Amino acid sequence: MVLERSRKALIIGAGPVGALTALSLHRRGWEVELWESRDDPRGKDTAPSNLRSINLAISARGLEALRSVDPSLAEQFQNEAIPMKGRMIHHVNGKQESQIYDPINGQCINSIGRPLLNQRLVESLPDAIKIRFQTKLSRVDLNNKIAFGSCPEKKDAIPGEEHDDGQIGGGDHGKSAGRAQNAKGEDKEDESGTPFDLIIGCDGSWSKVRTSIMRMERMDFSQSFIPHAYIELHMPADPSKPGGYAIDKNHLHIWPRHSFMLIGLPNKDGSFTLTLFIPFSSLSTLTTREAAGRFFVEHFPSAVQIIGEKRLLDDFENNPRGNLVTINCTPSAWSSHALLLGDASHSMVPFYGQGLNCGLEDVRVLSSILEKHKIKSTTSLRMGETDKDLELALKAYSVERQEDLKAICELALQNYTEMRSHVLSPLHHIRRFIDSALTQLIPSRPSSLHLSLTDAFPTKRVKGWTSLYEMVTFRPDVPYSEALRKEKAQKEIMAWTGYISGIVGIGAIGFAGLRLTRKWLERH
């Protein structure tokens, strides 16, 4: 007779999605182990690093996901983040134009640094969750449910020091796997392996868990780069200004220039994290400091004036060039053995600010499906056996989530064009005005303030009228796919309204012309 035991989840990657997944399953009663290739971030400096950490914009979806696991987490992050009520458009001539996200209800998105968010989530994990820092997944035996870890290569392998790439270092807090190397100085693999019931890949765009699943499953996989780079820059705090902010801290700042743009998000210390998005073809022409200087002075004079040309060009020359990729894979689960969450299953470009929110929402949706399928925290199966109930639940997650993930990846790409170009168009302002007016005339309201444990998205069809941005950013009760469908329907209504208005207008002009012609003929 096999006794009941706790299910064991092995989670690869202790970023925001991995940490929240670990906490969620622990709260459900699972035994949880978490592997992270970087050092322990707890208690370390989280100042902006000027590397590749684009600031995160956490909105209602992400906050609702945090709240579903631990309400105090959502409150904590709202207190530590900076609310941004709208976009501040910076024109070349220095004019600034505020475009409020939600003029009716005043809802905001929230700027928070990636290191701080990650640190707080890891700090929230209880001691019952076993965490192994400085541990990479080297291979997985999915059939037998055993994972093998190794320590990443490091020149001066002294625990507690900082990574060369600027990642935060730290001690092992009694949980690190240590730095085992063989006689040749190569990484030493854990020969015994770690058994699990379910391995969850939260290990990012280049997921090793996904690679392992692809060897077992006929997975449809797509990877697409856009021809644009991103470079992180920095706007320092200005002690002479209130709070140290050189520009309004409660806006997401955009310098849109049609084929490229600069954006800025506020930090708690009064600085702004700036990111330049630019085609590689344009970037290749900025080969000298003089050429780069002319580029910034011509296109972003207000930013140059605040930051100073020398500092801006130093950042531009020294900071790395990042790529922007969209990744989709289907299915995102294999048997009862493996699952992908976050960027491992749906990496997207950052232009809708939904990468983090979508990843955290994955955790909430997974939890609702485990609840709906009545997946208990215990099992009588031997480690390594297939769990039919869990297999059905993971398949349901993969199928139900697929359309939403495809929709938000598409919307993220579309929003790049809006941010760098459409926000300058008069038609954009007209559409915003019409959306605002119709939203007040035919309002669309959420099904409930907070979502239930079992129904991931209570609003299956959005009624009334609301903007796409409202549905994507402020309506966690609406699936991304429904937001996309609703927007397409509203666009069709707008197009037909314009077409009919045009016919009516032409008819009115024609009728007036006929009356004038008739009067002229009668007089003559």
Protein backbone atom coordinates (compact mmCIF):
# COMPACT_ATOMS: atom_id res chain seq x y z
CA MET A 1 0.00 0.00 0.00
CA VAL A 2 1.39 3.41 -1.03
CA LEU A 3 0.80 6.14 1.52
CA GLU A 4 -0.39 9.62 0.62
CA ARG A 5 2.41 12.15 0.24
CA SER A 6 2.68 15.78 -0.81
CA ARG A 7 3.01 16.51 -4.50
CA LYS A 8 6.40 17.97 -5.34
CA ALA A 9 6.88 20.85 -7.78
CA LEU A 10 10.33 21.75 -9.03
CA ILE A 11 10.33 25.32 -10.38
CA ILE A 12 13.16 26.48 -12.61
CA GLY A 13 13.79 30.22 -12.43
CA ALA A 14 13.24 32.51 -9.42
CA GLY A 15 12.20 35.61 -11.35
CA PRO A 16 8.84 37.25 -10.55
CA VAL A 17 6.81 34.48 -12.25
CA GLY A 18 8.84 31.64 -10.72
CA ALA A 19 8.73 33.14 -7.23
CA LEU A 20 4.95 33.72 -7.37
CA THR A 21 4.43 30.19 -8.74
CA ALA A 22 6.43 28.77 -5.83
CA LEU A 23 4.40 30.74 -3.30
CA SER A 24 1.10 29.82 -4.96
CA LEU A 25 1.77 26.07 -4.96
CA HIS A 26 3.16 26.21 -1.43
CA ARG A 27 -0.07 27.86 -0.30
CA ARG A 28 -1.96 25.01 -1.98
CA GLY A 29 -0.02 22.53 0.16
CA TRP A 30 2.55 21.31 -2.38
CA GLU A 31 6.17 20.58 -1.55
CA VAL A 32 8.12 23.17 -3.57
CA GLU A 33 11.76 23.42 -4.64
CA LEU A 34 13.05 26.44 -6.57
CA TRP A 35 16.24 26.65 -8.64
CA GLU A 36 17.85 29.91 -9.71
CA SER A 37 21.09 30.31 -11.68
CA ARG A 38 21.83 33.75 -10.20
CA ASP A 39 22.82 34.67 -6.67
CA ASP A 40 20.46 35.26 -3.76
CA PRO A 41 18.98 38.79 -4.13
CA ARG A 42 17.65 39.10 -0.60
CA GLY A 43 18.88 42.12 1.34
CA LYS A 44 20.96 43.49 -1.56
CA ASP A 45 21.06 46.84 -3.32
CA THR A 46 18.30 47.27 -5.92
CA ALA A 47 19.38 50.60 -7.41
CA PRO A 48 18.88 51.01 -11.21
CA SER A 49 21.73 49.18 -12.94
CA ASN A 50 21.73 50.74 -16.43
CA LEU A 51 21.99 47.35 -18.11
CA ARG A 52 19.04 45.41 -19.52
CA SER A 53 16.40 45.83 -16.83
CA ILE A 54 13.64 47.78 -18.57
CA ASN A 55 11.41 49.11 -15.81
CA LEU A 56 8.26 47.12 -15.28
CA ALA A 57 4.76 48.56 -15.43
CA ILE A 58 2.56 46.53 -13.12
CA SER A 59 -1.15 47.06 -13.67
CA ALA A 60 -4.47 45.54 -12.60
CA ARG A 61 -3.79 42.09 -14.07
CA GLY A 62 -0.50 41.69 -12.25
CA LEU A 63 -1.87 43.13 -9.01
CA GLU A 64 -4.90 40.80 -9.15
CA ALA A 65 -2.56 37.83 -9.64
CA LEU A 66 -0.52 38.87 -6.59
CA ARG A 67 -3.73 39.42 -4.63
CA SER A 68 -5.00 35.94 -5.50
CA VAL A 69 -1.94 34.42 -3.80
CA ASP A 70 -1.36 36.93 -1.01
CA PRO A 71 -3.37 40.19 -0.73
CA SER A 72 -0.56 41.83 1.26
CA LEU A 73 1.79 41.44 -1.72
CA ALA A 74 -0.44 43.52 -3.98
CA GLU A 75 -0.68 46.22 -1.31
CA GLN A 76 3.07 46.19 -0.75
CA PHE A 77 3.91 46.63 -4.43
CA GLN A 78 1.37 49.39 -4.88
CA ASN A 79 3.04 51.22 -1.99
CA GLU A 80 6.54 50.75 -3.42
CA ALA A 81 5.65 51.52 -7.05
CA ILE A 82 5.10 54.93 -8.62
CA PRO A 83 1.63 55.44 -10.17
CA MET A 84 1.60 56.71 -13.75
CA LYS A 85 -1.74 58.23 -14.75
CA GLY A 86 -0.98 58.62 -18.43
CA ARG A 87 1.51 59.17 -21.24
CA MET A 88 3.43 62.41 -21.48
CA ILE A 89 4.24 63.02 -25.14
CA HIS A 90 7.41 65.07 -25.74
CA HIS A 91 7.41 66.78 -29.14
CA VAL A 92 10.61 67.83 -30.88
CA ASN A 93 9.80 71.51 -30.29
CA GLY A 94 9.70 70.95 -26.53
CA LYS A 95 5.91 70.92 -26.19
CA GLN A 96 4.55 68.34 -23.70
CA GLU A 97 1.15 66.72 -24.08
CA SER A 98 -0.50 64.60 -21.39
CA GLN A 99 -2.68 61.70 -22.54
CA ILE A 100 -4.50 60.27 -19.49
CA TYR A 101 -5.04 56.49 -19.51
CA ASP A 102 -8.38 56.51 -17.71
CA PRO A 103 -9.94 60.00 -17.62
CA ILE A 104 -13.21 58.62 -16.17
CA ASN A 105 -12.04 56.50 -13.20
CA GLY A 106 -8.46 57.72 -12.83
CA GLN A 107 -6.85 54.27 -12.89
CA CYS A 108 -3.05 54.13 -13.19
CA ILE A 109 -0.28 51.76 -14.17
CA ASN A 110 2.65 51.51 -11.76
CA SER A 111 6.37 51.80 -12.40
CA ILE A 112 8.64 49.49 -10.41
CA GLY A 113 12.21 48.39 -10.98
CA ARG A 114 12.73 44.75 -11.93
CA PRO A 115 15.40 44.13 -9.24
CA LEU A 116 13.17 45.50 -6.46
CA LEU A 117 10.12 43.50 -7.59
CA ASN A 118 12.15 40.32 -7.86
CA GLN A 119 13.81 40.85 -4.49
CA ARG A 120 10.53 41.44 -2.67
CA LEU A 121 8.91 38.34 -4.17
CA VAL A 122 11.86 36.12 -3.22
CA GLU A 123 11.87 37.63 0.27
CA SER A 124 8.19 36.69 0.61
CA LEU A 125 8.94 32.97 0.19
CA PRO A 126 8.74 31.00 3.46
CA ASP A 127 11.56 28.77 4.70
CA ALA A 128 9.48 25.69 3.85
CA ILE A 129 10.28 26.34 0.17
CA LYS A 130 13.72 24.95 -0.60
CA ILE A 131 15.66 27.44 -2.74
CA ARG A 132 18.89 26.58 -4.53
CA PHE A 133 20.65 29.67 -5.86
CA GLN A 134 23.61 29.48 -8.27
CA THR A 135 22.05 26.34 -9.71
CA LYS A 136 21.39 25.83 -13.40
CA LEU A 137 19.19 23.14 -14.89
CA SER A 138 21.59 21.00 -16.92
CA ARG A 139 19.17 18.28 -18.11
CA VAL A 140 15.81 16.68 -17.36
CA ASP A 141 14.73 13.07 -17.57
CA LEU A 142 11.04 13.78 -18.16
CA ASN A 143 10.02 10.14 -18.44
CA ASN A 144 11.30 9.37 -14.95
CA LYS A 145 10.70 12.87 -13.56
CA ILE A 146 14.26 13.59 -12.45
CA ALA A 147 16.13 16.88 -12.95
CA PHE A 148 19.87 17.40 -12.79
CA GLY A 149 21.37 20.71 -11.73
CA SER A 150 24.84 22.19 -11.94
CA CYS A 151 26.59 25.33 -10.81
CA PRO A 152 27.11 28.00 -13.50
CA GLU A 153 30.65 28.80 -14.53
CA LYS A 154 32.26 31.73 -12.72
CA LYS A 155 35.89 32.84 -12.86
CA ASP A 156 36.44 33.59 -9.18
CA ALA A 157 33.89 31.30 -7.63
CA ILE A 158 33.61 32.84 -4.19
CA PRO A 159 30.09 32.63 -2.74
CA GLY A 160 28.57 35.99 -1.91
CA GLU A 161 30.39 38.06 -4.53
CA GLU A 162 28.61 39.94 -7.30
CA HIS A 163 28.18 38.57 -10.84
CA ASP A 164 30.33 40.16 -13.53
CA ASP A 165 27.18 41.01 -15.50
CA GLY A 166 25.88 43.27 -12.74
CA GLN A 167 23.44 40.80 -11.23
CA ILE A 168 23.05 41.08 -7.50
CA GLY A 169 25.20 38.72 -5.46
CA GLY A 170 24.53 37.21 -2.05
CA GLY A 171 25.13 34.39 0.37
CA ASP A 172 23.32 31.08 0.34
CA HIS A 173 21.13 31.61 3.45
CA GLY A 174 21.62 27.91 4.10
CA LYS A 175 19.81 26.97 0.88
CA SER A 176 22.37 27.35 -1.90
CA ALA A 177 23.62 24.36 -3.84
CA GLY A 178 27.20 25.62 -3.43
CA ARG A 179 29.86 25.87 -6.11
CA ALA A 180 30.91 22.33 -6.98
CA GLN A 181 33.44 21.93 -9.80
CA ASN A 182 35.38 18.95 -11.05
CA ALA A 183 39.16 18.67 -11.40
CA LYS A 184 39.09 20.39 -14.81
CA GLY A 185 37.32 23.42 -13.38
CA GLU A 186 34.07 22.57 -15.18
CA ASP A 187 30.63 22.69 -13.61
CA LYS A 188 29.85 19.56 -11.65
CA GLU A 189 26.43 18.04 -12.18
CA ASP A 190 24.40 16.69 -9.30
CA GLU A 191 24.73 12.98 -10.10
CA SER A 192 21.84 11.79 -7.94
CA GLY A 193 19.30 14.16 -9.52
CA THR A 194 16.19 15.69 -7.99
CA PRO A 195 12.86 13.83 -8.36
CA PHE A 196 9.63 15.75 -8.90
CA ASP A 197 5.96 15.29 -9.71
CA LEU A 198 5.84 18.41 -11.87
CA ILE A 199 8.63 20.56 -13.26
CA ILE A 200 7.61 24.12 -14.15
CA GLY A 201 9.75 26.16 -16.51
CA CYS A 202 9.78 29.81 -15.47
CA ASP A 203 13.26 30.16 -16.97
CA GLY A 204 12.61 32.82 -19.58
CA SER A 205 12.78 33.15 -23.34
CA TRP A 206 15.58 30.62 -23.77
CA SER A 207 14.00 28.04 -21.46
CA LYS A 208 15.80 24.73 -20.94
CA VAL A 209 12.57 23.16 -19.68
CA ARG A 210 10.94 24.07 -23.01
CA THR A 211 13.83 22.48 -24.90
CA SER A 212 13.32 19.28 -22.90
CA ILE A 213 9.58 19.24 -23.65
CA MET A 214 10.26 19.75 -27.36
CA ARG A 215 12.23 16.50 -27.37
CA MET A 216 9.16 14.68 -26.07
CA GLU A 217 6.24 16.54 -27.64
CA ARG A 218 5.27 17.71 -31.14
CA MET A 219 5.33 21.31 -30.04
CA ASP A 220 4.51 24.14 -32.45
CA PHE A 221 7.21 26.71 -31.77
CA SER A 222 7.78 30.13 -33.31
CA GLN A 223 10.42 32.75 -32.65
CA SER A 224 10.41 36.14 -34.33
CA PHE A 225 12.75 39.08 -33.79
CA ILE A 226 11.75 42.61 -34.73
CA PRO A 227 14.40 44.69 -36.55
CA HIS A 228 14.72 47.08 -33.61
CA ALA A 229 17.22 47.23 -30.75
CA TYR A 230 16.78 48.67 -27.28
CA ILE A 231 19.40 50.53 -25.26
CA GLU A 232 18.90 51.52 -21.65
CA LEU A 233 19.87 55.06 -20.67
CA HIS A 234 19.54 57.02 -17.43
CA MET A 235 18.12 60.37 -16.36
CA PRO A 236 19.59 61.26 -12.95
CA ALA A 237 17.64 62.87 -10.14
CA ASP A 238 17.58 66.66 -9.98
CA PRO A 239 17.96 67.80 -6.33
CA SER A 240 16.57 71.24 -7.21
CA LYS A 241 13.18 69.81 -8.23
CA PRO A 242 10.38 68.51 -5.93
CA GLY A 243 11.18 64.92 -4.99
CA GLY A 244 14.23 65.08 -7.24
CA TYR A 245 12.22 64.44 -10.42
CA ALA A 246 13.36 66.48 -13.42
CA ILE A 247 10.08 65.71 -15.21
CA ASP A 248 6.60 64.71 -14.00
CA LYS A 249 6.96 61.43 -12.09
CA ASN A 250 3.33 60.37 -12.58
CA HIS A 251 3.54 59.86 -16.33
CA LEU A 252 5.13 57.35 -18.65
CA HIS A 253 7.21 59.69 -20.82
CA ILE A 254 7.44 59.09 -24.57
CA TRP A 255 9.50 60.92 -27.15
CA PRO A 256 7.83 59.45 -30.30
CA ARG A 257 9.68 59.95 -33.58
CA HIS A 258 7.73 57.66 -35.96
CA SER A 259 10.42 55.04 -36.75
CA PHE A 260 12.02 55.15 -33.28
CA MET A 261 11.27 56.45 -29.80
CA LEU A 262 12.62 57.13 -26.33
CA ILE A 263 10.60 56.25 -23.23
CA GLY A 264 11.12 57.04 -19.56
CA LEU A 265 9.76 55.45 -16.37
CA PRO A 266 10.28 56.93 -12.89
CA ASN A 267 12.29 55.39 -10.05
CA LYS A 268 11.87 55.98 -6.33
CA ASP A 269 15.20 57.85 -6.06
CA GLY A 270 14.04 60.62 -8.42
CA SER A 271 15.79 59.23 -11.48
CA PHE A 272 14.19 57.88 -14.66
CA THR A 273 15.07 54.71 -16.51
CA LEU A 274 15.12 55.65 -20.19
CA THR A 275 15.03 53.20 -23.07
CA LEU A 276 15.80 53.99 -26.69
CA PHE A 277 14.03 51.75 -29.22
CA ILE A 278 15.59 52.13 -32.66
CA PRO A 279 15.92 50.06 -35.86
CA PHE A 280 19.26 48.29 -36.21
CA SER A 281 19.59 49.93 -39.63
CA SER A 282 19.45 53.39 -38.03
CA LEU A 283 21.67 52.33 -35.13
CA SER A 284 24.34 51.17 -37.57
CA THR A 285 24.76 54.76 -38.81
CA LEU A 286 25.62 56.05 -35.32
CA THR A 287 29.17 54.70 -35.33
CA THR A 288 30.89 57.74 -33.82
CA ARG A 289 30.25 59.79 -30.71
CA GLU A 290 29.78 62.87 -32.89
CA ALA A 291 27.12 61.15 -35.02
CA ALA A 292 25.30 59.95 -31.90
CA GLY A 293 25.46 63.44 -30.42
CA ARG A 294 23.91 64.98 -33.53
CA PHE A 295 21.19 62.31 -33.48
CA PHE A 296 20.14 63.01 -29.88
CA VAL A 297 20.32 66.80 -30.21
CA GLU A 298 18.20 66.71 -33.38
CA HIS A 299 15.53 64.26 -32.19
CA PHE A 300 15.53 64.47 -28.37
CA PRO A 301 16.71 67.99 -27.47
CA SER A 302 14.66 68.21 -24.26
CA ALA A 303 16.15 64.94 -22.94
CA VAL A 304 19.68 66.07 -23.83
CA GLN A 305 19.11 69.35 -21.99
CA ILE A 306 18.02 67.55 -18.78
CA ILE A 307 20.54 64.69 -18.78
CA GLY A 308 23.54 66.45 -20.30
CA GLU A 309 25.05 65.39 -23.60
CA LYS A 310 28.18 63.80 -22.10
CA ARG A 311 26.31 61.53 -19.68
CA LEU A 312 23.75 60.54 -22.31
CA LEU A 313 26.44 59.65 -24.84
CA ASP A 314 28.44 57.73 -22.22
CA ASP A 315 25.39 55.55 -21.56
CA PHE A 316 24.71 55.17 -25.28
CA GLU A 317 28.26 54.03 -25.99
CA ASN A 318 28.73 51.74 -22.99
CA ASN A 319 25.37 50.07 -22.43
CA PRO A 320 24.50 46.84 -24.27
CA ARG A 321 22.21 46.58 -27.29
CA GLY A 322 19.27 44.31 -26.60
CA ASN A 323 17.14 42.28 -29.00
CA LEU A 324 13.34 42.15 -28.96
CA VAL A 325 11.75 38.78 -29.62
CA THR A 326 8.29 37.23 -29.73
CA ILE A 327 8.10 33.53 -28.81
CA ASN A 328 5.03 31.31 -28.91
CA CYS A 329 4.75 27.60 -28.26
CA THR A 330 1.83 25.18 -28.21
CA PRO A 331 1.17 23.10 -26.17
CA SER A 332 2.79 24.58 -23.07
CA ALA A 333 2.49 21.34 -21.08
CA TRP A 334 3.55 17.72 -21.48
CA SER A 335 1.68 14.88 -19.76
CA SER A 336 1.50 15.44 -15.99
CA HIS A 337 5.24 16.02 -15.94
CA ALA A 338 6.08 19.51 -17.23
CA LEU A 339 4.60 22.98 -17.72
CA LEU A 340 5.81 26.34 -19.05
CA LEU A 341 4.83 29.72 -17.58
CA GLY A 342 5.82 33.31 -18.31
CA ASP A 343 8.37 34.11 -21.03
CA ALA A 344 9.22 30.42 -21.37
CA SER A 345 5.90 29.96 -23.20
CA HIS A 346 5.11 33.48 -24.46
CA SER A 347 7.90 36.00 -24.72
CA MET A 348 6.60 39.30 -26.09
CA VAL A 349 7.92 42.74 -26.97
CA PRO A 350 7.46 45.23 -24.08
CA PHE A 351 5.29 47.84 -25.78
CA TYR A 352 2.02 47.06 -24.00
CA GLY A 353 3.68 46.68 -20.63
CA GLN A 354 2.02 43.27 -20.30
CA GLY A 355 4.96 40.85 -20.21
CA LEU A 356 5.15 40.86 -16.41
CA ASN A 357 1.38 41.16 -15.94
CA CYS A 358 0.69 38.29 -18.32
CA GLY A 359 3.29 36.09 -16.62
CA LEU A 360 1.84 36.73 -13.18
CA GLU A 361 -1.64 36.15 -14.60
CA ASP A 362 -0.44 32.72 -15.80
CA VAL A 363 0.02 31.79 -12.14
CA ARG A 364 -3.51 32.92 -11.25
CA VAL A 365 -5.07 31.10 -14.21
CA LEU A 366 -3.15 27.92 -13.40
CA SER A 367 -4.33 28.08 -9.80
CA SER A 368 -7.96 28.50 -10.90
CA ILE A 369 -7.70 25.46 -13.18
CA LEU A 370 -6.10 23.32 -10.46
CA GLU A 371 -8.99 24.38 -8.22
CA LYS A 372 -11.59 23.64 -10.89
CA HIS A 373 -10.12 20.18 -11.52
CA LYS A 374 -9.94 19.53 -7.76
CA ILE A 375 -6.22 18.73 -7.84
CA LYS A 376 -5.28 17.88 -4.28
CA SER A 377 -1.96 18.72 -2.69
CA THR A 378 -1.34 15.04 -1.96
CA THR A 379 -1.06 11.93 -4.11
CA SER A 380 -0.70 8.20 -3.57
CA LEU A 381 1.25 7.73 -6.81
CA ARG A 382 4.90 6.78 -6.73
CA MET A 383 7.35 9.50 -7.77
CA GLY A 384 7.76 9.23 -11.54
CA GLU A 385 4.31 7.81 -12.33
CA THR A 386 1.88 9.65 -14.62
CA ASP A 387 -0.89 11.47 -12.80
CA LYS A 388 -3.96 11.35 -15.07
CA ASP A 389 -5.92 13.99 -13.14
CA LEU A 390 -3.00 16.44 -13.17
CA GLU A 391 -2.40 15.67 -16.86
CA LEU A 392 -5.99 16.70 -17.70
CA ALA A 393 -5.64 19.90 -15.67
CA LEU A 394 -2.36 20.89 -17.36
CA LYS A 395 -3.83 20.17 -20.78
CA ALA A 396 -6.84 22.34 -19.92
CA TYR A 397 -4.50 25.17 -18.91
CA SER A 398 -2.52 24.89 -22.14
CA VAL A 399 -5.64 24.85 -24.34
CA GLU A 400 -7.52 27.60 -22.48
CA ARG A 401 -4.51 29.92 -22.28
CA GLN A 402 -3.33 29.49 -25.87
CA GLU A 403 -5.66 32.01 -27.57
CA ASP A 404 -5.05 34.68 -24.92
CA LEU A 405 -1.27 34.40 -25.19
CA LYS A 406 -1.40 34.67 -28.96
CA ALA A 407 -3.64 37.75 -28.66
CA ILE A 408 -1.42 39.67 -26.25
CA CYS A 409 1.72 38.96 -28.29
CA GLU A 410 -0.09 40.41 -31.32
CA LEU A 411 -1.32 43.43 -29.36
CA ALA A 412 2.16 44.12 -27.98
CA LEU A 413 3.56 44.34 -31.51
CA GLN A 414 0.72 46.61 -32.62
CA ASN A 415 1.23 48.98 -29.69
CA TYR A 416 4.80 49.76 -30.75
CA THR A 417 3.44 51.51 -33.84
CA GLU A 418 0.95 53.40 -31.68
CA MET A 419 3.57 54.57 -29.18
CA ARG A 420 6.18 55.77 -31.65
CA SER A 421 3.84 57.12 -34.34
CA HIS A 422 0.06 56.98 -33.87
CA VAL A 423 0.11 59.10 -30.69
CA LEU A 424 1.14 62.02 -32.94
CA SER A 425 -1.83 61.58 -35.31
CA PRO A 426 -5.04 63.69 -35.08
CA LEU A 427 -7.01 60.49 -35.78
CA HIS A 428 -5.58 59.00 -32.57
CA HIS A 429 -6.98 61.93 -30.57
CA ILE A 430 -10.36 61.66 -32.31
CA ARG A 431 -10.58 57.94 -31.49
CA ARG A 432 -9.64 58.59 -27.85
CA PHE A 433 -12.36 61.24 -27.60
CA ILE A 434 -14.99 58.95 -29.16
CA ASP A 435 -13.97 56.04 -26.91
CA SER A 436 -14.26 58.26 -23.84
CA ALA A 437 -17.67 59.63 -24.88
CA LEU A 438 -19.16 56.23 -25.77
CA THR A 439 -17.74 54.66 -22.58
CA GLN A 440 -19.79 57.16 -20.56
CA LEU A 441 -22.90 56.70 -22.72
CA ILE A 442 -22.73 52.88 -22.91
CA PRO A 443 -20.50 51.86 -19.97
CA SER A 444 -18.94 48.43 -19.62
CA ARG A 445 -18.45 47.31 -16.04
CA PRO A 446 -16.39 44.47 -14.54
CA SER A 447 -18.26 41.38 -13.38
CA SER A 448 -16.71 41.69 -9.91
CA LEU A 449 -14.08 43.67 -8.06
CA HIS A 450 -11.87 40.63 -7.37
CA LEU A 451 -11.80 37.32 -9.19
CA SER A 452 -12.83 33.95 -7.78
CA LEU A 453 -10.55 30.95 -7.32
CA THR A 454 -12.31 28.85 -9.93
CA ASP A 455 -13.38 31.18 -12.74
CA ALA A 456 -10.26 32.72 -14.27
CA PHE A 457 -12.18 35.17 -16.48
CA PRO A 458 -15.82 35.75 -15.50
CA THR A 459 -16.41 38.22 -18.37
CA LYS A 460 -16.72 36.01 -21.44
CA ARG A 461 -18.15 38.78 -23.66
CA VAL A 462 -17.62 42.47 -22.97
CA LYS A 463 -20.84 44.47 -23.18
CA GLY A 464 -21.17 48.20 -23.69
CA TRP A 465 -18.27 50.26 -25.02
CA THR A 466 -14.74 50.51 -23.68
CA SER A 467 -11.30 51.20 -25.06
CA LEU A 468 -8.80 48.50 -25.91
CA TYR A 469 -6.32 49.95 -23.41
CA GLU A 470 -8.94 49.78 -20.66
CA MET A 471 -9.66 46.10 -21.38
CA VAL A 472 -6.00 45.05 -21.61
CA THR A 473 -4.64 47.07 -18.72
CA PHE A 474 -7.42 47.59 -16.18
CA ARG A 475 -9.80 44.63 -16.68
CA PRO A 476 -8.31 41.39 -15.25
CA ASP A 477 -11.78 39.85 -15.63
CA VAL A 478 -11.46 40.04 -19.45
CA PRO A 479 -9.31 37.54 -21.41
CA TYR A 480 -6.80 39.10 -23.81
CA SER A 481 -8.48 37.30 -26.71
CA GLU A 482 -11.83 38.87 -25.83
CA ALA A 483 -10.22 42.32 -25.61
CA LEU A 484 -8.83 41.82 -29.12
CA ARG A 485 -12.18 40.55 -30.46
CA LYS A 486 -14.09 43.44 -28.87
CA GLU A 487 -11.67 46.03 -30.28
CA LYS A 488 -12.02 44.60 -33.79
CA ALA A 489 -15.82 44.77 -33.45
CA GLN A 490 -15.66 48.38 -32.25
CA LYS A 491 -13.35 49.31 -35.12
CA GLU A 492 -15.85 47.86 -37.59
CA ILE A 493 -18.62 49.93 -35.99
CA MET A 494 -16.44 53.04 -36.26
CA ALA A 495 -15.64 52.27 -39.90
CA TRP A 496 -19.31 51.71 -40.82
CA THR A 497 -20.34 54.82 -38.90
CA GLY A 498 -17.79 56.85 -40.83
CA TYR A 499 -18.91 55.30 -44.12
CA ILE A 500 -22.59 56.01 -43.44
CA SER A 501 -21.78 59.51 -42.20
CA GLY A 502 -19.86 60.12 -45.41
CA ILE A 503 -22.80 58.98 -47.56
CA VAL A 504 -25.23 61.09 -45.53
CA GLY A 505 -22.91 64.07 -45.78
CA ILE A 506 -22.48 63.71 -49.53
CA GLY A 507 -26.25 63.25 -49.89
CA ALA A 508 -26.93 66.38 -47.85
CA ILE A 509 -24.48 68.39 -49.93
CA GLY A 510 -26.03 67.02 -53.13
CA PHE A 511 -29.56 67.80 -51.97
CA ALA A 512 -28.57 71.36 -51.02
CA GLY A 513 -26.89 71.76 -54.41
CA LEU A 514 -30.01 70.63 -56.26
CA ARG A 515 -32.16 73.12 -54.32
CA LEU A 516 -29.80 75.98 -55.13
CA THR A 517 -29.70 74.96 -58.79
CA ARG A 518 -33.51 74.82 -58.94
CA LYS A 519 -33.81 78.30 -57.40
CA TRP A 520 -31.28 79.71 -59.86
CA LEU A 521 -33.21 78.20 -62.80
CA GLU A 522 -36.51 79.59 -61.53
CA ARG A 523 -35.05 83.10 -61.30
CA HIS A 524 -33.61 82.88 -64.81
